[in-house]
Amino acid sequence: MVQAKPRFKNFEEYLTYDDGTDTRYELVNGGLVEMGAESPLNLDIAFFLGVFFVQMGIPMQRIGIKNLIAVDSAKVTAREPDLTIHSEASKRAISQEKQAFLPIDAPTPLLVIEVVSPGEPGSENYDRDYIDKREEYANRGVPEFWLIDPERAVVLVLTLVGSTYKAAEFRGGDHIRSAQFRQLQLTAEQILEAGR
């Protein structure tokens, strides 16, 4: 990632910033950090799950792809999960914004899904996905957070208990168990193999 300029005084300036390119940026400590392009596999998994949830009966309008969600963090102002399943209240809140952005004081979505970027423990990618986002989404009060890790062939379903997540690990033919979506009929393998 390459540090970019300019610096911003507030989040509103960041939301309205346009450098004339299609480059995606994350706001970190008031400055822009260029985000790499999404891998095709990550996009395939997010798309597969979006279609799956629609087929399950979730209204398409409540499924968000790459929606910004404000978080309370010393590192970043907002995260951009691969897939978000909104509650009715969070969908109403995000619909009132000029961009697909869920403010910090808005209701939380039901589920946030992140497809993990490759990296070993201690690397920037690994720590961001496994440590930082876990803490940020818990602080935000997101009731369920899925970490899908194709490299390690695992789907972690994290359920908010109090102020921290309790993790359940699913591999291969294991059926995903979700507190938010009890009727779910999906295996870890189906998710991990999406698009392959």
N, C-alpha and C. Protein backbone atom coordinates (compact mmCIF):
# COMPACT_ATOMS: atom_id res chain seq x y z
N MET A 1 0.84 -1.17 0.00
CA MET A 1 0.00 0.00 0.00
C MET A 1 0.88 1.23 0.00
N VAL A 2 0.45 2.23 -0.75
CA VAL A 2 1.21 3.46 -0.89
C VAL A 2 0.46 4.58 -0.21
N GLN A 3 1.14 5.35 0.62
CA GLN A 3 0.51 6.49 1.27
C GLN A 3 0.22 7.56 0.23
N ALA A 4 -0.97 8.09 0.23
CA ALA A 4 -1.37 9.11 -0.72
C ALA A 4 -1.70 10.39 0.02
N LYS A 5 -1.76 11.50 -0.67
CA LYS A 5 -2.15 12.78 -0.12
C LYS A 5 -3.43 13.18 -0.80
N PRO A 6 -4.23 14.02 -0.30
CA PRO A 6 -4.06 14.96 0.80
C PRO A 6 -4.48 14.37 2.15
N ARG A 7 -4.41 15.23 3.18
CA ARG A 7 -4.89 14.86 4.51
C ARG A 7 -6.24 15.52 4.71
N PHE A 8 -7.07 14.93 5.58
CA PHE A 8 -8.42 15.42 5.78
C PHE A 8 -8.63 15.83 7.22
N LYS A 9 -9.42 16.87 7.40
CA LYS A 9 -9.76 17.36 8.75
C LYS A 9 -10.89 16.53 9.36
N ASN A 10 -11.76 16.00 8.50
CA ASN A 10 -12.89 15.23 9.01
C ASN A 10 -13.31 14.16 8.00
N PHE A 11 -14.19 13.30 8.43
CA PHE A 11 -14.61 12.18 7.60
C PHE A 11 -15.43 12.64 6.40
N GLU A 12 -16.18 13.73 6.56
CA GLU A 12 -16.98 14.25 5.45
C GLU A 12 -16.10 14.63 4.27
N GLU A 13 -14.93 15.23 4.53
CA GLU A 13 -14.01 15.57 3.45
C GLU A 13 -13.57 14.31 2.70
N TYR A 14 -13.30 13.26 3.44
CA TYR A 14 -12.90 11.99 2.84
C TYR A 14 -14.01 11.43 1.95
N LEU A 15 -15.25 11.48 2.44
CA LEU A 15 -16.37 10.92 1.68
C LEU A 15 -16.60 11.64 0.36
N THR A 16 -16.27 12.92 0.30
CA THR A 16 -16.50 13.68 -0.93
C THR A 16 -15.25 13.78 -1.80
N TYR A 17 -14.14 13.18 -1.39
CA TYR A 17 -12.89 13.28 -2.14
C TYR A 17 -12.99 12.49 -3.45
N ASP A 18 -12.50 13.09 -4.51
CA ASP A 18 -12.44 12.43 -5.82
C ASP A 18 -11.16 12.89 -6.51
N ASP A 19 -10.24 11.96 -6.73
CA ASP A 19 -8.98 12.33 -7.38
C ASP A 19 -9.03 12.10 -8.89
N GLY A 20 -10.22 11.77 -9.40
CA GLY A 20 -10.37 11.59 -10.83
C GLY A 20 -9.97 10.20 -11.32
N THR A 21 -9.65 9.31 -10.40
CA THR A 21 -9.30 7.94 -10.77
C THR A 21 -10.30 6.99 -10.13
N ASP A 22 -10.18 5.72 -10.42
CA ASP A 22 -11.01 4.70 -9.77
C ASP A 22 -10.30 4.07 -8.58
N THR A 23 -9.22 4.70 -8.12
CA THR A 23 -8.44 4.17 -7.01
C THR A 23 -9.29 4.17 -5.74
N ARG A 24 -9.22 3.08 -4.99
CA ARG A 24 -9.93 2.96 -3.72
C ARG A 24 -8.97 3.31 -2.59
N TYR A 25 -9.45 4.12 -1.66
CA TYR A 25 -8.63 4.55 -0.53
C TYR A 25 -9.33 4.23 0.78
N GLU A 26 -8.52 4.04 1.82
CA GLU A 26 -9.01 3.92 3.17
C GLU A 26 -8.45 5.11 3.94
N LEU A 27 -9.24 5.69 4.83
CA LEU A 27 -8.79 6.81 5.62
C LEU A 27 -8.12 6.28 6.88
N VAL A 28 -6.82 6.56 7.04
CA VAL A 28 -6.05 6.10 8.19
C VAL A 28 -5.34 7.30 8.80
N ASN A 29 -5.67 7.60 10.06
CA ASN A 29 -5.05 8.72 10.77
C ASN A 29 -5.09 10.02 9.96
N GLY A 30 -6.23 10.29 9.32
CA GLY A 30 -6.41 11.53 8.59
C GLY A 30 -5.87 11.54 7.18
N GLY A 31 -5.14 10.52 6.77
CA GLY A 31 -4.57 10.46 5.43
C GLY A 31 -5.11 9.29 4.63
N LEU A 32 -4.94 9.35 3.33
CA LEU A 32 -5.41 8.29 2.46
C LEU A 32 -4.36 7.22 2.30
N VAL A 33 -4.80 5.98 2.35
CA VAL A 33 -3.94 4.85 2.06
C VAL A 33 -4.60 4.09 0.92
N GLU A 34 -3.86 3.91 -0.16
CA GLU A 34 -4.40 3.23 -1.33
C GLU A 34 -4.66 1.76 -1.00
N MET A 35 -5.84 1.31 -1.36
CA MET A 35 -6.19 -0.09 -1.16
C MET A 35 -5.93 -0.85 -2.44
N GLY A 36 -5.39 -2.02 -2.32
CA GLY A 36 -5.14 -2.84 -3.50
C GLY A 36 -6.44 -3.30 -4.12
N ALA A 37 -6.35 -3.77 -5.33
CA ALA A 37 -7.53 -4.29 -6.02
C ALA A 37 -7.97 -5.58 -5.34
N GLU A 38 -9.26 -5.82 -5.33
CA GLU A 38 -9.80 -7.06 -4.77
C GLU A 38 -9.40 -8.23 -5.64
N SER A 39 -9.14 -9.36 -5.01
CA SER A 39 -8.83 -10.54 -5.79
C SER A 39 -10.13 -11.08 -6.39
N PRO A 40 -10.05 -11.70 -7.57
CA PRO A 40 -11.26 -12.28 -8.17
C PRO A 40 -11.94 -13.30 -7.25
N LEU A 41 -11.16 -14.07 -6.50
CA LEU A 41 -11.74 -15.07 -5.60
C LEU A 41 -12.57 -14.39 -4.52
N ASN A 42 -12.04 -13.30 -3.93
CA ASN A 42 -12.79 -12.59 -2.90
C ASN A 42 -14.12 -12.09 -3.44
N LEU A 43 -14.08 -11.53 -4.64
CA LEU A 43 -15.31 -11.02 -5.26
C LEU A 43 -16.28 -12.15 -5.58
N ASP A 44 -15.75 -13.29 -6.06
CA ASP A 44 -16.61 -14.44 -6.37
C ASP A 44 -17.31 -14.95 -5.11
N ILE A 45 -16.58 -15.03 -4.01
CA ILE A 45 -17.18 -15.50 -2.75
C ILE A 45 -18.25 -14.53 -2.28
N ALA A 46 -17.96 -13.23 -2.31
CA ALA A 46 -18.94 -12.23 -1.89
C ALA A 46 -20.19 -12.29 -2.76
N PHE A 47 -19.99 -12.41 -4.08
CA PHE A 47 -21.13 -12.47 -5.00
C PHE A 47 -21.95 -13.74 -4.74
N PHE A 48 -21.28 -14.88 -4.58
CA PHE A 48 -21.96 -16.14 -4.29
C PHE A 48 -22.83 -16.01 -3.04
N LEU A 49 -22.26 -15.43 -1.99
CA LEU A 49 -23.01 -15.30 -0.74
C LEU A 49 -24.16 -14.31 -0.88
N GLY A 50 -23.96 -13.24 -1.63
CA GLY A 50 -25.04 -12.29 -1.87
C GLY A 50 -26.22 -12.96 -2.55
N VAL A 51 -25.94 -13.74 -3.60
CA VAL A 51 -26.99 -14.47 -4.31
C VAL A 51 -27.64 -15.50 -3.39
N PHE A 52 -26.82 -16.18 -2.60
CA PHE A 52 -27.34 -17.19 -1.68
C PHE A 52 -28.33 -16.58 -0.69
N PHE A 53 -27.97 -15.43 -0.10
CA PHE A 53 -28.86 -14.79 0.87
C PHE A 53 -30.16 -14.31 0.21
N VAL A 54 -30.08 -13.83 -1.03
CA VAL A 54 -31.30 -13.43 -1.76
C VAL A 54 -32.19 -14.67 -1.95
N GLN A 55 -31.59 -15.80 -2.37
CA GLN A 55 -32.37 -17.03 -2.56
C GLN A 55 -32.96 -17.52 -1.24
N MET A 56 -32.32 -17.16 -0.14
CA MET A 56 -32.80 -17.54 1.19
C MET A 56 -33.97 -16.67 1.64
N GLY A 57 -34.21 -15.59 0.92
CA GLY A 57 -35.34 -14.72 1.25
C GLY A 57 -34.96 -13.36 1.79
N ILE A 58 -33.67 -13.05 1.90
CA ILE A 58 -33.26 -11.72 2.34
C ILE A 58 -33.50 -10.76 1.17
N PRO A 59 -34.22 -9.66 1.39
CA PRO A 59 -34.44 -8.72 0.28
C PRO A 59 -33.12 -8.20 -0.28
N MET A 60 -33.02 -8.17 -1.59
CA MET A 60 -31.79 -7.74 -2.25
C MET A 60 -31.33 -6.37 -1.77
N GLN A 61 -32.27 -5.49 -1.46
CA GLN A 61 -31.93 -4.15 -1.02
C GLN A 61 -31.19 -4.14 0.31
N ARG A 62 -31.28 -5.20 1.08
CA ARG A 62 -30.59 -5.25 2.38
C ARG A 62 -29.22 -5.89 2.29
N ILE A 63 -28.77 -6.22 1.09
CA ILE A 63 -27.45 -6.81 0.90
C ILE A 63 -26.52 -5.74 0.34
N GLY A 64 -25.45 -5.48 1.07
CA GLY A 64 -24.51 -4.45 0.66
C GLY A 64 -23.17 -5.05 0.28
N ILE A 65 -22.68 -4.66 -0.89
CA ILE A 65 -21.35 -5.09 -1.31
C ILE A 65 -20.43 -3.88 -1.23
N LYS A 66 -19.37 -4.02 -0.45
CA LYS A 66 -18.36 -2.97 -0.28
C LYS A 66 -18.98 -1.68 0.28
N ASN A 67 -19.92 -1.79 1.22
CA ASN A 67 -20.45 -0.63 1.93
C ASN A 67 -19.45 -0.20 2.99
N LEU A 68 -19.26 1.09 3.14
CA LEU A 68 -18.40 1.61 4.21
C LEU A 68 -19.17 1.58 5.53
N ILE A 69 -18.52 1.09 6.57
CA ILE A 69 -19.11 1.06 7.90
C ILE A 69 -18.16 1.78 8.85
N ALA A 70 -18.64 2.86 9.46
CA ALA A 70 -17.82 3.60 10.41
C ALA A 70 -17.52 2.72 11.62
N VAL A 71 -16.27 2.77 12.08
CA VAL A 71 -15.85 2.01 13.26
C VAL A 71 -15.12 2.96 14.21
N ASP A 72 -15.11 2.59 15.47
CA ASP A 72 -14.40 3.35 16.48
C ASP A 72 -13.03 2.71 16.67
N SER A 73 -12.03 3.29 16.04
CA SER A 73 -10.70 2.68 16.03
C SER A 73 -9.64 3.77 16.00
N ALA A 74 -8.51 3.49 16.58
CA ALA A 74 -7.38 4.42 16.52
C ALA A 74 -6.70 4.36 15.17
N LYS A 75 -6.96 3.29 14.40
CA LYS A 75 -6.26 3.10 13.13
C LYS A 75 -7.02 3.62 11.93
N VAL A 76 -8.33 3.32 11.85
CA VAL A 76 -9.12 3.71 10.68
C VAL A 76 -10.45 4.31 11.14
N THR A 77 -11.09 5.00 10.21
CA THR A 77 -12.38 5.61 10.49
C THR A 77 -13.53 4.72 10.05
N ALA A 78 -13.29 3.96 8.99
CA ALA A 78 -14.34 3.08 8.46
C ALA A 78 -13.70 1.86 7.81
N ARG A 79 -14.47 0.80 7.76
CA ARG A 79 -14.07 -0.42 7.06
C ARG A 79 -15.03 -0.65 5.89
N GLU A 80 -14.57 -1.43 4.93
CA GLU A 80 -15.35 -1.73 3.74
C GLU A 80 -15.44 -3.25 3.59
N PRO A 81 -16.35 -3.88 4.36
CA PRO A 81 -16.45 -5.34 4.29
C PRO A 81 -16.87 -5.80 2.90
N ASP A 82 -16.51 -7.04 2.58
CA ASP A 82 -16.85 -7.60 1.28
C ASP A 82 -18.36 -7.71 1.10
N LEU A 83 -19.06 -8.06 2.18
CA LEU A 83 -20.51 -8.22 2.10
C LEU A 83 -21.11 -7.83 3.44
N THR A 84 -22.24 -7.15 3.38
CA THR A 84 -22.97 -6.74 4.58
C THR A 84 -24.43 -7.15 4.40
N ILE A 85 -24.99 -7.79 5.42
CA ILE A 85 -26.42 -8.06 5.44
C ILE A 85 -27.01 -7.06 6.44
N HIS A 86 -27.76 -6.12 5.90
CA HIS A 86 -28.31 -5.06 6.73
C HIS A 86 -29.57 -5.48 7.46
N SER A 87 -29.75 -4.91 8.64
CA SER A 87 -31.04 -4.96 9.31
C SER A 87 -31.93 -3.94 8.58
N GLU A 88 -33.20 -3.97 8.85
CA GLU A 88 -34.07 -2.97 8.24
C GLU A 88 -33.63 -1.57 8.66
N ALA A 89 -33.24 -1.41 9.93
CA ALA A 89 -32.84 -0.10 10.45
C ALA A 89 -31.52 0.38 9.83
N SER A 90 -30.54 -0.51 9.69
CA SER A 90 -29.26 -0.07 9.10
C SER A 90 -29.43 0.23 7.62
N LYS A 91 -30.33 -0.48 6.94
CA LYS A 91 -30.60 -0.19 5.53
C LYS A 91 -31.25 1.18 5.39
N ARG A 92 -32.20 1.49 6.27
CA ARG A 92 -32.81 2.83 6.23
C ARG A 92 -31.76 3.91 6.45
N ALA A 93 -30.85 3.67 7.40
CA ALA A 93 -29.82 4.66 7.72
C ALA A 93 -28.87 4.86 6.54
N ILE A 94 -28.40 3.79 5.93
CA ILE A 94 -27.44 3.91 4.83
C ILE A 94 -28.11 4.51 3.59
N SER A 95 -29.42 4.29 3.45
CA SER A 95 -30.15 4.84 2.30
C SER A 95 -30.27 6.36 2.37
N GLN A 96 -30.12 6.92 3.56
CA GLN A 96 -30.22 8.37 3.73
C GLN A 96 -28.91 9.09 3.42
N GLU A 97 -27.83 8.34 3.22
CA GLU A 97 -26.52 8.93 2.95
C GLU A 97 -26.32 9.12 1.45
N LYS A 98 -25.42 10.04 1.08
CA LYS A 98 -25.10 10.28 -0.33
C LYS A 98 -24.31 9.12 -0.93
N GLN A 99 -23.54 8.45 -0.07
CA GLN A 99 -22.74 7.29 -0.50
C GLN A 99 -23.14 6.09 0.34
N ALA A 100 -22.68 4.91 -0.05
CA ALA A 100 -22.97 3.69 0.71
C ALA A 100 -22.10 3.68 1.96
N PHE A 101 -22.51 4.47 2.93
CA PHE A 101 -21.75 4.68 4.17
C PHE A 101 -22.69 4.60 5.35
N LEU A 102 -22.34 3.78 6.35
CA LEU A 102 -23.13 3.63 7.56
C LEU A 102 -22.42 4.38 8.69
N PRO A 103 -22.96 5.53 9.11
CA PRO A 103 -22.30 6.34 10.15
C PRO A 103 -22.18 5.59 11.48
N ILE A 104 -21.31 6.08 12.33
CA ILE A 104 -21.01 5.43 13.61
C ILE A 104 -22.23 5.39 14.52
N ASP A 105 -23.12 6.37 14.42
CA ASP A 105 -24.29 6.41 15.29
C ASP A 105 -25.51 5.71 14.69
N ALA A 106 -25.35 5.11 13.53
CA ALA A 106 -26.45 4.41 12.86
C ALA A 106 -26.61 3.00 13.43
N PRO A 107 -27.79 2.41 13.26
CA PRO A 107 -27.99 1.02 13.70
C PRO A 107 -27.00 0.08 13.00
N THR A 108 -26.71 -1.02 13.65
CA THR A 108 -25.75 -1.98 13.10
C THR A 108 -26.41 -2.93 12.11
N PRO A 109 -25.63 -3.42 11.15
CA PRO A 109 -26.14 -4.48 10.27
C PRO A 109 -26.24 -5.79 11.05
N LEU A 110 -26.92 -6.77 10.47
CA LEU A 110 -27.04 -8.08 11.10
C LEU A 110 -25.75 -8.88 11.01
N LEU A 111 -25.06 -8.73 9.86
CA LEU A 111 -23.91 -9.57 9.56
C LEU A 111 -22.92 -8.81 8.69
N VAL A 112 -21.65 -8.94 9.03
CA VAL A 112 -20.57 -8.40 8.20
C VAL A 112 -19.69 -9.58 7.81
N ILE A 113 -19.34 -9.66 6.51
CA ILE A 113 -18.52 -10.76 6.00
C ILE A 113 -17.26 -10.20 5.36
N GLU A 114 -16.12 -10.71 5.78
CA GLU A 114 -14.82 -10.35 5.22
C GLU A 114 -14.15 -11.60 4.66
N VAL A 115 -13.68 -11.51 3.42
CA VAL A 115 -12.86 -12.57 2.85
C VAL A 115 -11.42 -12.18 3.11
N VAL A 116 -10.70 -13.03 3.81
CA VAL A 116 -9.36 -12.73 4.30
C VAL A 116 -8.36 -12.64 3.16
N SER A 117 -7.52 -11.61 3.22
CA SER A 117 -6.41 -11.48 2.27
C SER A 117 -5.28 -12.40 2.70
N PRO A 118 -4.48 -12.90 1.75
CA PRO A 118 -3.38 -13.78 2.12
C PRO A 118 -2.38 -13.10 3.05
N GLY A 119 -1.82 -13.87 3.95
CA GLY A 119 -0.81 -13.34 4.87
C GLY A 119 -0.62 -14.25 6.06
N GLU A 120 0.57 -14.25 6.58
CA GLU A 120 0.91 -15.07 7.74
C GLU A 120 0.64 -14.28 9.02
N PRO A 121 0.44 -14.97 10.16
CA PRO A 121 0.28 -14.26 11.42
C PRO A 121 1.44 -13.28 11.63
N GLY A 122 1.08 -12.07 12.04
CA GLY A 122 2.08 -11.02 12.21
C GLY A 122 2.21 -10.11 11.00
N SER A 123 1.69 -10.53 9.85
CA SER A 123 1.73 -9.68 8.66
C SER A 123 0.61 -8.64 8.75
N GLU A 124 0.74 -7.58 7.98
CA GLU A 124 -0.26 -6.51 8.00
C GLU A 124 -1.65 -7.04 7.63
N ASN A 125 -1.74 -7.84 6.56
CA ASN A 125 -3.03 -8.38 6.13
C ASN A 125 -3.67 -9.26 7.20
N TYR A 126 -2.89 -10.16 7.75
CA TYR A 126 -3.41 -11.09 8.75
C TYR A 126 -3.91 -10.34 9.98
N ASP A 127 -3.06 -9.44 10.51
CA ASP A 127 -3.44 -8.71 11.71
C ASP A 127 -4.65 -7.82 11.48
N ARG A 128 -4.73 -7.20 10.31
CA ARG A 128 -5.88 -6.35 10.01
C ARG A 128 -7.16 -7.18 10.02
N ASP A 129 -7.15 -8.34 9.34
CA ASP A 129 -8.36 -9.15 9.22
C ASP A 129 -8.70 -9.90 10.52
N TYR A 130 -7.71 -10.54 11.13
CA TYR A 130 -7.97 -11.39 12.29
C TYR A 130 -8.00 -10.65 13.62
N ILE A 131 -7.32 -9.53 13.72
CA ILE A 131 -7.25 -8.83 15.01
C ILE A 131 -8.01 -7.50 14.97
N ASP A 132 -7.60 -6.60 14.08
CA ASP A 132 -8.17 -5.25 14.06
C ASP A 132 -9.66 -5.26 13.75
N LYS A 133 -10.05 -5.91 12.67
CA LYS A 133 -11.46 -5.88 12.28
C LYS A 133 -12.34 -6.59 13.31
N ARG A 134 -11.82 -7.64 13.88
CA ARG A 134 -12.58 -8.36 14.92
C ARG A 134 -12.90 -7.42 16.08
N GLU A 135 -11.92 -6.67 16.52
CA GLU A 135 -12.10 -5.72 17.62
C GLU A 135 -13.02 -4.57 17.20
N GLU A 136 -12.81 -4.04 15.99
CA GLU A 136 -13.59 -2.89 15.52
C GLU A 136 -15.07 -3.23 15.35
N TYR A 137 -15.36 -4.38 14.74
CA TYR A 137 -16.76 -4.75 14.56
C TYR A 137 -17.43 -5.09 15.89
N ALA A 138 -16.68 -5.68 16.82
CA ALA A 138 -17.23 -5.94 18.15
C ALA A 138 -17.55 -4.63 18.86
N ASN A 139 -16.62 -3.67 18.80
CA ASN A 139 -16.86 -2.36 19.42
C ASN A 139 -18.07 -1.66 18.78
N ARG A 140 -18.28 -1.90 17.51
CA ARG A 140 -19.40 -1.30 16.77
C ARG A 140 -20.72 -1.98 17.11
N GLY A 141 -20.63 -3.19 17.73
CA GLY A 141 -21.84 -3.91 18.12
C GLY A 141 -22.45 -4.76 17.03
N VAL A 142 -21.64 -5.11 16.00
CA VAL A 142 -22.15 -5.97 14.92
C VAL A 142 -22.36 -7.37 15.52
N PRO A 143 -23.60 -7.89 15.50
CA PRO A 143 -23.88 -9.15 16.20
C PRO A 143 -23.21 -10.38 15.63
N GLU A 144 -22.90 -10.37 14.32
CA GLU A 144 -22.25 -11.54 13.73
C GLU A 144 -21.27 -11.08 12.65
N PHE A 145 -20.11 -11.71 12.64
CA PHE A 145 -19.01 -11.36 11.74
C PHE A 145 -18.41 -12.66 11.23
N TRP A 146 -18.38 -12.82 9.90
CA TRP A 146 -17.76 -14.01 9.31
C TRP A 146 -16.42 -13.64 8.73
N LEU A 147 -15.42 -14.45 9.03
CA LEU A 147 -14.09 -14.36 8.41
C LEU A 147 -13.94 -15.59 7.52
N ILE A 148 -13.84 -15.36 6.24
CA ILE A 148 -13.70 -16.46 5.28
C ILE A 148 -12.26 -16.45 4.80
N ASP A 149 -11.55 -17.54 5.07
CA ASP A 149 -10.13 -17.59 4.77
C ASP A 149 -9.84 -18.73 3.78
N PRO A 150 -9.83 -18.41 2.47
CA PRO A 150 -9.58 -19.45 1.47
C PRO A 150 -8.20 -20.09 1.60
N GLU A 151 -7.20 -19.31 2.01
CA GLU A 151 -5.84 -19.84 2.13
C GLU A 151 -5.75 -20.92 3.20
N ARG A 152 -6.48 -20.77 4.29
CA ARG A 152 -6.46 -21.73 5.39
C ARG A 152 -7.67 -22.68 5.35
N ALA A 153 -8.53 -22.51 4.31
CA ALA A 153 -9.71 -23.36 4.09
C ALA A 153 -10.61 -23.43 5.33
N VAL A 154 -10.95 -22.24 5.86
CA VAL A 154 -11.77 -22.18 7.06
C VAL A 154 -12.73 -20.99 6.96
N VAL A 155 -13.91 -21.19 7.54
CA VAL A 155 -14.88 -20.11 7.72
C VAL A 155 -15.07 -19.96 9.23
N LEU A 156 -14.78 -18.78 9.75
CA LEU A 156 -15.00 -18.49 11.16
C LEU A 156 -16.28 -17.68 11.27
N VAL A 157 -17.19 -18.14 12.12
CA VAL A 157 -18.40 -17.39 12.41
C VAL A 157 -18.23 -16.86 13.83
N LEU A 158 -18.17 -15.55 13.93
CA LEU A 158 -17.95 -14.89 15.22
C LEU A 158 -19.26 -14.27 15.68
N THR A 159 -19.73 -14.69 16.84
CA THR A 159 -20.99 -14.21 17.40
C THR A 159 -20.68 -13.33 18.59
N LEU A 160 -21.27 -12.13 18.60
CA LEU A 160 -21.02 -11.17 19.68
C LEU A 160 -21.68 -11.65 20.96
N VAL A 161 -20.85 -11.83 21.99
CA VAL A 161 -21.32 -12.20 23.32
C VAL A 161 -20.79 -11.13 24.26
N GLY A 162 -21.68 -10.29 24.76
CA GLY A 162 -21.23 -9.14 25.54
C GLY A 162 -20.52 -8.16 24.62
N SER A 163 -19.24 -7.94 24.89
CA SER A 163 -18.48 -6.98 24.07
C SER A 163 -17.40 -7.65 23.22
N THR A 164 -17.37 -8.99 23.21
CA THR A 164 -16.37 -9.70 22.42
C THR A 164 -17.04 -10.81 21.60
N TYR A 165 -16.29 -11.28 20.61
CA TYR A 165 -16.81 -12.34 19.76
C TYR A 165 -16.42 -13.72 20.27
N LYS A 166 -17.36 -14.65 20.17
CA LYS A 166 -17.09 -16.07 20.40
C LYS A 166 -17.02 -16.70 19.01
N ALA A 167 -15.93 -17.42 18.72
CA ALA A 167 -15.69 -17.95 17.38
C ALA A 167 -16.07 -19.42 17.28
N ALA A 168 -16.66 -19.78 16.14
CA ALA A 168 -16.90 -21.17 15.77
C ALA A 168 -16.23 -21.37 14.41
N GLU A 169 -15.51 -22.48 14.27
CA GLU A 169 -14.72 -22.76 13.07
C GLU A 169 -15.41 -23.84 12.24
N PHE A 170 -15.48 -23.61 10.91
CA PHE A 170 -16.12 -24.55 10.01
C PHE A 170 -15.19 -24.85 8.84
N ARG A 171 -15.07 -26.14 8.51
CA ARG A 171 -14.20 -26.59 7.41
C ARG A 171 -14.93 -27.65 6.60
N GLY A 172 -14.51 -27.81 5.35
CA GLY A 172 -15.03 -28.89 4.49
C GLY A 172 -16.54 -28.95 4.46
N GLY A 173 -17.09 -30.11 4.80
CA GLY A 173 -18.53 -30.34 4.75
C GLY A 173 -19.29 -29.86 5.98
N ASP A 174 -18.60 -29.18 6.91
CA ASP A 174 -19.29 -28.65 8.09
C ASP A 174 -20.38 -27.67 7.67
N HIS A 175 -21.56 -27.83 8.24
CA HIS A 175 -22.66 -26.89 7.99
C HIS A 175 -22.45 -25.64 8.85
N ILE A 176 -22.52 -24.49 8.20
CA ILE A 176 -22.35 -23.22 8.90
C ILE A 176 -23.52 -23.03 9.86
N ARG A 177 -23.21 -22.70 11.10
CA ARG A 177 -24.23 -22.38 12.09
C ARG A 177 -24.17 -20.89 12.39
N SER A 178 -25.31 -20.24 12.25
CA SER A 178 -25.40 -18.80 12.41
C SER A 178 -26.53 -18.45 13.37
N ALA A 179 -26.23 -17.61 14.37
CA ALA A 179 -27.26 -17.16 15.30
C ALA A 179 -28.25 -16.23 14.61
N GLN A 180 -27.78 -15.49 13.60
CA GLN A 180 -28.64 -14.55 12.89
C GLN A 180 -29.50 -15.23 11.83
N PHE A 181 -29.00 -16.32 11.27
CA PHE A 181 -29.70 -17.00 10.17
C PHE A 181 -29.75 -18.49 10.47
N ARG A 182 -30.63 -18.88 11.35
CA ARG A 182 -30.70 -20.26 11.83
C ARG A 182 -31.13 -21.24 10.74
N GLN A 183 -31.83 -20.76 9.71
CA GLN A 183 -32.31 -21.62 8.63
C GLN A 183 -31.24 -21.86 7.56
N LEU A 184 -30.06 -21.36 7.76
CA LEU A 184 -28.97 -21.46 6.79
C LEU A 184 -28.66 -22.92 6.44
N GLN A 185 -28.60 -23.21 5.15
CA GLN A 185 -28.23 -24.54 4.64
C GLN A 185 -27.02 -24.35 3.72
N LEU A 186 -25.85 -24.30 4.31
CA LEU A 186 -24.63 -23.96 3.58
C LEU A 186 -23.44 -24.58 4.28
N THR A 187 -22.52 -25.12 3.50
CA THR A 187 -21.30 -25.70 4.10
C THR A 187 -20.11 -24.76 3.87
N ALA A 188 -19.09 -24.97 4.67
CA ALA A 188 -17.85 -24.21 4.50
C ALA A 188 -17.29 -24.44 3.10
N GLU A 189 -17.33 -25.67 2.64
CA GLU A 189 -16.80 -26.02 1.32
C GLU A 189 -17.52 -25.27 0.21
N GLN A 190 -18.84 -25.14 0.29
CA GLN A 190 -19.58 -24.41 -0.73
C GLN A 190 -19.11 -22.96 -0.81
N ILE A 191 -18.86 -22.35 0.33
CA ILE A 191 -18.39 -20.97 0.36
C ILE A 191 -16.98 -20.88 -0.22
N LEU A 192 -16.09 -21.73 0.28
CA LEU A 192 -14.67 -21.65 -0.09
C LEU A 192 -14.44 -22.00 -1.56
N GLU A 193 -15.30 -22.83 -2.13
CA GLU A 193 -15.15 -23.24 -3.52
C GLU A 193 -15.88 -22.33 -4.51
N ALA A 194 -16.57 -21.32 -4.01
CA ALA A 194 -17.31 -20.41 -4.90
C ALA A 194 -16.34 -19.77 -5.89
N GLY A 195 -16.65 -19.89 -7.18
CA GLY A 195 -15.84 -19.25 -8.20
C GLY A 195 -14.62 -20.03 -8.65
N ARG A 196 -14.37 -21.20 -8.05
CA ARG A 196 -13.18 -21.98 -8.45
C ARG A 196 -13.52 -22.95 -9.54
